[in-house]
Protein backbone atom coordinates (compact mmCIF):
# COMPACT_ATOMS: atom_id res chain seq x y z
CA UNK A 1 -19.88 -24.92 -0.16
CA UNK A 2 -16.87 -27.03 -1.00
CA UNK A 3 -15.92 -28.06 2.51
CA UNK A 4 -17.91 -28.77 5.68
CA UNK A 5 -17.81 -25.89 8.13
CA UNK A 6 -15.78 -28.08 10.50
CA UNK A 7 -13.00 -28.25 7.88
CA UNK A 8 -12.59 -24.52 7.20
CA UNK A 9 -9.03 -23.27 7.09
CA UNK A 10 -7.72 -20.84 9.66
CA UNK A 11 -6.07 -17.62 8.56
CA UNK A 12 -5.26 -14.08 9.73
CA UNK A 13 -8.44 -12.76 8.13
CA UNK A 14 -11.79 -13.93 6.83
CA UNK A 15 -11.53 -15.14 3.23
CA UNK A 16 -14.63 -15.27 1.02
CA UNK A 17 -15.22 -16.69 -2.43
CA UNK A 18 -18.75 -15.27 -2.84
CA UNK A 19 -20.74 -12.28 -1.58
CA UNK A 20 -23.98 -10.70 -2.64
CA UNK A 21 -26.96 -9.17 -0.85
CA UNK A 22 -29.80 -6.67 -0.78
CA UNK A 23 -33.00 -5.62 0.94
CA UNK A 24 -36.28 -7.50 0.48
CA UNK A 25 -39.85 -6.61 1.44
CA UNK A 26 -42.74 -9.07 1.96
CA UNK A 27 -46.44 -8.53 2.33
CA UNK A 28 -48.24 -9.46 5.55
CA UNK A 29 -48.65 -13.20 6.00
CA UNK A 30 -46.19 -14.33 3.29
CA UNK A 31 -43.71 -17.11 4.00
CA UNK A 32 -40.41 -18.43 2.76
CA UNK A 33 -40.95 -22.16 2.28
CA UNK A 34 -38.62 -24.74 3.81
CA UNK A 35 -35.25 -24.99 2.12
CA UNK A 36 -31.78 -26.32 2.66
CA UNK A 37 -29.37 -23.40 2.70
CA UNK A 38 -26.40 -23.99 0.29
CA UNK A 39 -24.19 -21.19 1.66
CA UNK A 40 -23.87 -18.76 4.57
CA UNK A 41 -26.48 -15.99 5.11
CA UNK A 42 -26.69 -13.05 7.46
CA UNK A 43 -30.15 -11.53 7.83
CA UNK A 44 -31.09 -8.25 9.59
CA UNK A 45 -34.77 -7.86 10.39
CA UNK A 46 -35.61 -4.20 9.78
CA UNK A 47 -39.41 -4.23 10.03
CA UNK A 48 -41.95 -6.86 11.12
CA UNK A 49 -42.24 -9.63 13.71
CA UNK A 50 -40.66 -12.73 12.13
CA UNK A 51 -40.61 -16.39 13.10
CA UNK A 52 -37.52 -18.24 11.95
CA UNK A 53 -37.31 -22.06 12.00
CA UNK A 54 -34.00 -23.86 11.60
CA UNK A 55 -33.26 -27.55 12.05
CA UNK A 56 -36.52 -28.12 13.89
CA UNK A 57 -36.16 -25.20 16.31
CA UNK A 58 -38.23 -22.01 16.28
CA UNK A 59 -36.68 -18.58 16.90
CA UNK A 60 -38.74 -15.44 17.42
CA UNK A 61 -37.02 -12.64 15.42
CA UNK A 62 -38.37 -9.16 16.24
CA UNK A 63 -37.15 -6.04 14.45
CA UNK A 64 -33.39 -5.56 14.99
CA UNK A 65 -32.66 -9.27 15.17
CA UNK A 66 -29.76 -10.72 13.24
CA UNK A 67 -29.78 -14.31 11.97
CA UNK A 68 -26.62 -16.14 10.97
CA UNK A 69 -27.53 -19.24 8.95
CA UNK A 70 -24.94 -21.70 7.76
CA UNK A 71 -24.74 -24.26 4.93
CA UNK A 72 -27.00 -27.24 5.46
CA UNK A 73 -29.53 -25.46 7.64
CA UNK A 74 -33.10 -26.72 7.04
CA UNK A 75 -34.87 -23.43 7.46
CA UNK A 76 -38.08 -21.50 6.80
CA UNK A 77 -39.44 -18.04 7.57
CA UNK A 78 -42.92 -16.90 8.58
CA UNK A 79 -43.09 -13.19 7.91
CA UNK A 80 -45.24 -10.80 9.99
CA UNK A 81 -48.94 -11.71 9.62
CA UNK A 82 -50.25 -8.19 10.20
CA UNK A 83 -47.91 -5.86 8.37
CA UNK A 84 -45.07 -5.82 5.88
CA UNK A 85 -41.69 -7.35 6.65
CA UNK A 86 -38.44 -5.84 5.44
CA UNK A 87 -34.99 -7.33 5.91
CA UNK A 88 -31.44 -6.91 4.65
CA UNK A 89 -29.37 -9.96 3.82
CA UNK A 90 -25.98 -11.18 2.60
CA UNK A 91 -25.11 -14.57 1.14
CA UNK A 92 -21.47 -15.63 1.20
CA UNK A 93 -19.08 -18.55 1.03
CA UNK A 94 -16.27 -18.84 3.50
CA UNK A 95 -12.83 -20.20 2.49
CA UNK A 96 -11.01 -19.42 5.76
CA UNK A 97 -11.94 -17.94 9.20
CA UNK A 98 -9.66 -15.89 11.50
CA UNK A 99 -7.59 -18.01 13.87
CA UNK A 100 -8.98 -16.44 17.02
CA UNK A 101 -12.64 -17.12 16.25
CA UNK A 102 -14.60 -19.93 17.95
CA UNK A 103 -15.40 -23.03 15.80
CA UNK A 104 -18.13 -22.24 13.26
CA UNK A 105 -20.43 -25.04 14.43
CA UNK A 106 -20.76 -23.20 17.78
CA UNK A 107 -21.79 -19.87 16.30
CA UNK A 108 -25.30 -18.81 17.46
CA UNK A 109 -28.12 -18.85 14.93
CA UNK A 110 -29.71 -15.61 16.10
CA UNK A 111 -29.07 -12.48 18.14
CA UNK A 112 -32.26 -10.65 19.08
CA UNK A 113 -30.38 -7.67 20.60
CA UNK A 114 -27.16 -7.30 18.61
CA UNK A 115 -24.57 -4.60 19.02
CA UNK A 116 -25.71 -1.21 17.64
CA UNK A 117 -22.81 -1.28 15.20
CA UNK A 118 -24.35 -4.26 13.31
CA UNK A 119 -27.01 -2.22 11.38
CA UNK A 120 -24.42 0.43 10.52
CA UNK A 121 -22.05 -2.18 9.10
CA UNK A 122 -24.95 -3.78 7.13
CA UNK A 123 -25.78 -0.41 5.63
CA UNK A 124 -22.17 0.37 4.72
CA UNK A 125 -21.67 -3.05 3.12
CA UNK A 126 -24.90 -2.78 1.14
CA UNK A 127 -23.76 0.60 -0.20
CA UNK A 128 -20.43 -0.89 -1.31
CA UNK A 129 -22.18 -3.80 -3.02
CA UNK A 130 -24.41 -1.37 -4.84
CA UNK A 131 -21.48 0.58 -6.25
CA UNK A 132 -19.04 -2.28 -6.68
CA UNK A 133 -20.92 -5.61 -6.71
CA UNK A 134 -19.02 -8.85 -6.88
CA UNK A 135 -22.12 -10.67 -8.19
CA UNK A 136 -23.18 -14.28 -7.44
CA UNK A 137 -20.09 -15.72 -9.15
CA UNK A 138 -17.38 -13.14 -8.50
CA UNK A 139 -14.80 -12.93 -5.73
CA UNK A 140 -15.50 -9.98 -3.42
CA UNK A 141 -13.04 -7.11 -3.03
CA UNK A 142 -10.87 -6.94 0.11
CA UNK A 143 -12.81 -4.06 1.63
CA UNK A 144 -16.05 -5.98 1.44
CA UNK A 145 -14.40 -9.05 3.03
CA UNK A 146 -13.13 -6.86 5.87
CA UNK A 147 -16.59 -5.54 6.54
CA UNK A 148 -18.10 -9.02 6.61
CA UNK A 149 -15.33 -10.06 9.01
CA UNK A 150 -16.10 -7.08 11.29
CA UNK A 151 -19.85 -7.84 11.06
CA UNK A 152 -19.42 -11.48 12.11
CA UNK A 153 -16.87 -10.58 14.78
CA UNK A 154 -19.25 -8.10 16.40
CA UNK A 155 -22.09 -10.58 16.07
CA UNK A 156 -20.09 -13.29 17.81
CA UNK A 157 -19.11 -11.13 20.75
CA UNK A 158 -21.00 -11.39 23.99
CA UNK A 159 -23.23 -8.28 23.94
CA UNK A 160 -22.16 -6.49 27.07
CA UNK A 161 -24.92 -3.87 26.80
CA UNK A 162 -27.55 -6.59 27.21
CA UNK A 163 -25.80 -8.64 29.87
CA UNK A 164 -27.17 -7.80 33.35
CA UNK A 165 -23.88 -8.90 34.88
CA UNK A 166 -22.06 -6.08 33.05
CA UNK A 167 -24.52 -3.45 34.20
CA UNK A 168 -24.13 -4.56 37.81
CA UNK A 169 -20.39 -4.05 37.53
CA UNK A 170 -20.94 -0.30 37.13
CA UNK A 171 -21.74 1.59 40.29
CA UNK A 172 -25.29 2.96 40.20
CA UNK A 173 -24.24 6.62 40.09
CA UNK A 174 -22.10 5.86 37.05
CA UNK A 175 -25.08 4.25 35.31
CA UNK A 176 -27.26 7.29 36.06
CA UNK A 177 -24.54 9.61 34.75
CA UNK A 178 -24.15 7.59 31.54
CA UNK A 179 -27.90 7.63 31.01
CA UNK A 180 -27.95 11.45 31.27
CA UNK A 181 -25.03 11.75 28.83
CA UNK A 182 -26.70 9.42 26.31
CA UNK A 183 -30.04 11.22 26.62
CA UNK A 184 -28.36 14.59 26.15
CA UNK A 185 -26.48 13.44 23.07
CA UNK A 186 -29.74 11.99 21.69
CA UNK A 187 -32.12 14.86 22.37
CA UNK A 188 -30.16 18.12 22.87
CA UNK A 189 -26.50 17.71 21.91
CA UNK A 190 -25.99 21.51 21.83
CA UNK A 191 -26.76 21.66 25.59
CA UNK A 192 -23.67 22.49 27.67
CA UNK A 193 -23.55 19.53 30.06
CA UNK A 194 -21.40 20.26 33.12
CA UNK A 195 -19.88 17.99 35.76
CA UNK A 196 -22.35 19.52 38.20
CA UNK A 197 -25.28 18.48 36.00
CA UNK A 198 -23.98 14.95 35.79
CA UNK A 199 -23.23 14.67 39.50
CA UNK A 200 -26.75 15.99 40.28
CA UNK A 201 -28.32 13.32 38.06
CA UNK A 202 -26.14 10.71 39.80
CA UNK A 203 -27.15 12.01 43.29
CA UNK A 204 -23.53 12.21 44.46
CA UNK A 205 -20.92 14.91 44.83
CA UNK A 206 -18.72 15.85 41.88
CA UNK A 207 -15.61 14.56 43.69
CA UNK A 208 -17.23 11.19 44.49
CA UNK A 209 -18.54 10.78 40.94
CA UNK A 210 -15.06 11.46 39.52
CA UNK A 211 -13.64 8.82 41.86
CA UNK A 212 -16.32 6.29 40.81
CA UNK A 213 -15.69 6.93 37.11
CA UNK A 214 -11.96 6.63 37.54
CA UNK A 215 -12.29 3.27 39.34
CA UNK A 216 -14.89 1.92 36.90
CA UNK A 217 -13.73 3.32 33.52
CA UNK A 218 -10.25 4.74 34.12
CA UNK A 219 -11.26 8.25 33.12
CA UNK A 220 -13.29 11.19 34.35
CA UNK A 221 -17.01 11.74 33.63
CA UNK A 222 -16.37 14.55 31.18
CA UNK A 223 -13.61 12.66 29.39
CA UNK A 224 -16.12 9.80 28.99
CA UNK A 225 -18.74 12.16 27.59
CA UNK A 226 -16.28 13.59 25.04
CA UNK A 227 -15.39 10.06 23.90
CA UNK A 228 -19.10 9.29 23.52
CA UNK A 229 -19.38 12.33 21.20
CA UNK A 230 -16.35 11.28 19.18
CA UNK A 231 -17.63 7.69 18.91
CA UNK A 232 -20.92 8.98 17.51
CA UNK A 233 -19.01 11.25 15.14
CA UNK A 234 -16.94 8.31 13.83
CA UNK A 235 -20.17 6.45 13.01
CA UNK A 236 -21.75 9.46 11.28
CA UNK A 237 -18.63 10.04 9.19
CA UNK A 238 -18.98 6.53 7.78
CA UNK A 239 -22.77 6.18 7.72
CA UNK A 240 -24.18 9.57 6.71
CA UNK A 241 -23.86 12.29 4.13
CA UNK A 242 -23.62 15.04 6.75
CA UNK A 243 -20.65 17.35 6.29
CA UNK A 244 -18.06 17.86 9.05
CA UNK A 245 -19.75 20.96 10.35
CA UNK A 246 -23.12 19.24 10.61
CA UNK A 247 -21.58 16.23 12.32
CA UNK A 248 -19.80 18.58 14.80
CA UNK A 249 -23.19 20.14 15.63
CA UNK A 250 -24.93 16.78 15.89
CA UNK A 251 -22.29 15.55 18.34
CA UNK A 252 -22.40 18.66 20.57
CA UNK A 253 -19.31 20.56 19.37
CA UNK A 254 -20.07 24.26 18.82
CA UNK A 255 -16.78 24.82 16.97
CA UNK A 256 -16.04 22.67 13.91
CA UNK A 257 -12.32 23.24 14.18
CA UNK A 258 -12.23 22.28 17.83
CA UNK A 259 -14.14 19.12 16.90
CA UNK A 260 -11.59 18.34 14.19
CA UNK A 261 -8.71 18.85 16.61
CA UNK A 262 -10.34 16.60 19.27
CA UNK A 263 -11.08 13.91 16.66
CA UNK A 264 -7.53 14.01 15.27
CA UNK A 265 -5.96 13.89 18.71
CA UNK A 266 -8.04 10.89 19.78
CA UNK A 267 -8.36 8.97 16.47
CA UNK A 268 -5.01 9.79 14.85
CA UNK A 269 -6.48 11.50 11.78
CA UNK A 270 -8.78 14.34 10.91
CA UNK A 271 -12.52 13.71 10.33
CA UNK A 272 -12.02 14.34 6.61
CA UNK A 273 -9.08 11.94 6.35
CA UNK A 274 -11.01 9.29 8.29
CA UNK A 275 -13.98 9.56 5.91
CA UNK A 276 -11.75 9.28 2.89
CA UNK A 277 -10.03 6.16 4.32
CA UNK A 278 -13.40 4.56 4.97
CA UNK A 279 -14.56 5.18 1.42
CA UNK A 280 -11.29 3.71 0.14
CA UNK A 281 -12.00 0.45 1.99
CA UNK A 282 -10.26 0.87 5.35
CA UNK A 283 -12.01 -0.77 8.31
CA UNK A 284 -13.78 1.45 10.88
CA UNK A 285 -12.04 2.56 14.06
CA UNK A 286 -12.00 0.23 17.04
CA UNK A 287 -14.53 1.25 19.65
CA UNK A 288 -13.36 4.13 21.88
CA UNK A 289 -15.47 2.93 24.78
CA UNK A 290 -16.76 -0.31 26.32
CA UNK A 291 -19.94 -1.55 24.67
CA UNK A 292 -22.26 -0.58 27.54
CA UNK A 293 -20.99 3.02 27.39
CA UNK A 294 -21.47 3.47 23.63
CA UNK A 295 -23.81 6.17 22.39
CA UNK A 296 -26.98 5.01 20.70
CA UNK A 297 -26.76 4.50 16.96
CA UNK A 298 -30.01 4.25 15.02
CA UNK A 299 -30.66 2.52 11.67
């Protein structure tokens, strides 16, 4: 690292001079001895209960945790003592950070419940590194820099899904309705979910539920459910090898062509065009819904 993190330049986008990463597996009880980190590192704990120590402070890191370590950290890892540990990681050097980001010294060292998009971005970036690696001495391509920028930006956000204050802002019937939508999309997406089904789960009338959704989210319950389906479809287009028909089925659309029309109307391009743009290095779509309304995305 050429400059202290307090002296990093500000720019329109994140600028990197180094990027490499991979996935590592450790046996039960192994450790990573104390070291002084020379660059930045993002770590996603995939399996195993980990204990991370940085600058004299201990951080429990259960599966799903993301660690953001910066240059100069005195750190060590104790991997799971009972079973294997597996984690994904990226090392990088930052030349400039986006102007709107908070000062790097204030960035949190760990998120134990990060946004569900984080594992998906990790996976996408690992795939790009595997097919077009920059190597430990090369400058990363623009598309890889954009993904790291998105990854850190999501990491730095306050995670609304895990903030009790955000949940309390939604009326209880809306929360019950969202839970039913999410469960249906998880377990039986082909089920025809009606407004009556949703209102029944929320224990209110259809008219009252529509009024609550409009006041809370600015749209009707069924419009919200369709956006949940399309949000999941956008993730699957970028993070799976499923074809468009299979993604339509997985997201509860019986007709592939109706799915494509809905996706194009909402997202401004067809599913096929969106997938091609992602593979060419374009950043993913902005979220169609608030974080606490997002469908579940699994690693």
